[in-house]
Amino acid sequence: MTTAAHASQNEVLLSVVVPTLQEEKLLERTLMVFDHEWRKTNSAELIVSDGGSTDGTLEIAQRHADIVVRHSADHRQTIAEGRNCGAAVARGKVIVFINGDTIPANREEFTRVIVDLAMRRGPYGRASALACPVRFEPHEEGLGDVLFLGFYNYLARALCFIRVGSGRGECQVVRRDVFNTVGGYKKHLVAGEDFELLGRIGMMARVQYAPELVVFESPRRFRKFGYLRTIRSWIGNGLSVIFRGRSSSDEWEPVR
């Protein structure tokens, strides 16, 4: 197991921030990846930032997380605001933002890369943020999934290569000092906040695509809406964020 052997006893290297809203079906599996033993070994903390769940999400979070941040304001919280609220209480040198329906494909390899980033060593030692390849688990993946996700991952990798930060929000890894310097996610963005953050970081620092950080997301959104509708939404929101500074969607419909 990869360890943070050179971290001081009280130093927090890694803060894992999981934004949630009505995630009782899949959340526990994600949180168990970052269990107490893993956190102790790797000088890490686990933070759940909940946007106002009324199902069993909070109960699950309280069983597993070190810190649970609860949204209690009247307005509906965006996922960007939820991530920011989690980051606000984070103490780690590196923040790992990972969604409640997402898990690392290989925990040991994933851990090695993020610990090395925090310790400023290895191939990503000079990076300020890392973008992660996103896939579905092999038993859920069809040919169309492989082609689409393969293309999207290739595009993210190419954009990072030419120093234009890009990457899916299912998992993003950012140095905390850099995150604070750029002001975090734009909390008013309903969608597109993920690539917008890495784009802003890429303008001042180095965003790298890390193929070792493969994560498996749930295919639930693609199964419900299909690829064409999902792609139209991504493109519409992306162009709106770039040219208008706001999302084209008034609300990001959750799929549970």
Foldseek 3Di string as FASTA:
>chain_A
DDALVPDDQQAAAEEEEEEDAQLVVQQLVALVLCAPVNCNRHSYFYEYQYQAHPPCPVVSCVVGGPYYHYDDDPDGFAVQVSRVVRLVPDRHQKYKYAYSQKHWPDSVLQSNVSSCCSVLDDPCSFAFKEAEQEAAPPVPDDPVRCVVSVVVLVVQQVCLVVLQHAHDRNIMMGGSVLCVVLPGFPRQANDPSHSVSRRSSSVPGHYHYDHSRYMHGDCQVCVVPNDVVVVVQNVQQNVCCVPVVYGPDPHDDDGD
